[in-house]
Amino acid sequence: MKKYTEMNRAELKAERERVEAIYKALQDQKLSLNMARGKPGKEQLDLVSDILDVLKSDSDFICDGIDVRNYGNLEGLPSCQKLFAEVLGVKPENIFVGGAASLQLMYDTISKAYTHGRVNSEKPWAKLDCVKWLCPSPGYDRHFGVSESFGMTMIPVPMTAEGPDMNVVEELVKDPDVRGMWCVPKYSNPDGIIYSEETVRRIASLKPAAKDFLLMWDNAYCIHEFFGDFVPFPDILSECAKYGNEDMVFEFASTSKITFPGAGISVFACSDNNMRYMKKLLDKQIISYDKVNQLRHVRYLKDKAGLLALMKRHAGVLGPKFRCVLDALEKEIAPLGIAEWQRPNGGYFVSVNTMPGIASATWKLCLDAGLTMTNAGATFPYGKDPKDSNLRVAPSLPPISQLEKAMEIFCVSLRLAALNKLLAE
């Protein structure tokens, strides 16, 4: 088939009539499908349901000489700190173990910067006239939501094949009002990009004008390959320390897409200075997080090798789903020249960039045909995609049979939106 951009007006009209008929037939099926969030599917949750059976007797509740059912150990069980230290490549004493959601730890880290300042702040951020924040885009909508909730001025930073455009970042941090940056360094949300060694080095060696600049390093997908073998990643704490920036970074991770998203554990890793400061503040907030759940995860996952073995089983579920999405795009969209997309080997999303001006229309057509997706624009600060072109596809939740139908709706909607746009010009 010819590319849509190469068709004459008569050909475009004939093609639109054909695609509209297909779209109408899909609408008539009264479907209700969901690709809105990167939620593990039932088959993945079933993989790990036996984690609930690992603690069976009173003696099982003793770990590291600690009765996990009781108060205490604010920073988490030593065995749990050790487990995540092995995964992230840091020292156990630089790990803090929290509750089920790393997003809560991220929010709390920024909240404390606003209420109390950072270890090297002159004053709490709430007393500053302006707080600007760098947002590599497309990016994670919940990150942007946190920034917006605190009234930050968000500044989009273009993403490249190697991560954030560091020429832009290095220029922007010369502004003393720029206080931090979001980063998803491995299988970025939604593009699935792994930051290059050079990008990581340039980030770690930044010299921001703001002495309390905060690098929020959300390593959410650090072991989440669905194609191929595990890809090692650098220890950002050590990288920053090489350049005297050890207090600049907080790294986050969780088991949200390893065990149960609603009942997992999360961690942050940070410098000795940051850890002392955060523990002093957190001590007023909580006596301890759920150590029973921490022990459950330690007993179940055991070590990094155990984690990677489990992730191979997750990949056995996710791999076919991502192939389904990519195969549909290659077959139905690639010949038409109306969109491009990333082909990730890990993470939870496929990022589709349509021809300018049709992402919102595509999203609406999907919705009207029974397919719920993350809003167009959500991957940009304030929900405003300047090109109206990015859409995030989340294949993990639906079973393959539903995913095939969802991708049929998506591809037909994208084609119809492109035809409408071209005929309106």
Foldseek 3Di string as FASTA:
>chain_A
DAAPVPDDLVVLVVVLVVLVVVLVVLLVVVAAAEQADQAFAPVLQVLFPCLVVLDDDQVLQADPNDRLVDFADAQFDLLLLVQVCQLLVHDSVQKRKAFLDLLVVVLVVLVCQQVANALPDPGRPVPDPAAEEEEAPLAALSVLVSCVVSVHHYDYFYADLQGTPLVVVLVVLQDQNHAEYEEQQALTVPARHHHDPVRLLSVLQRDGPHPNRAYEHEPAWQLFFLDDARDHDDNSLVSNVVNVRQQRYKYKYWCVSQHPSVGTMMMIGGDPSRVVVVCVVCVVVDRHHNNVRSSSCCSQQVHPVSSNVSSNVVSVQVVVLLCLLVVLCVPQPVNNPFWDWHNHRGDFKIKIFGQFDQLQQLQVSLVSSNYHYHHQQSSDNPSDDPRSGIGIGGRRHDHPVSSNSSSVSSSSSSSSSVSVVVSVD
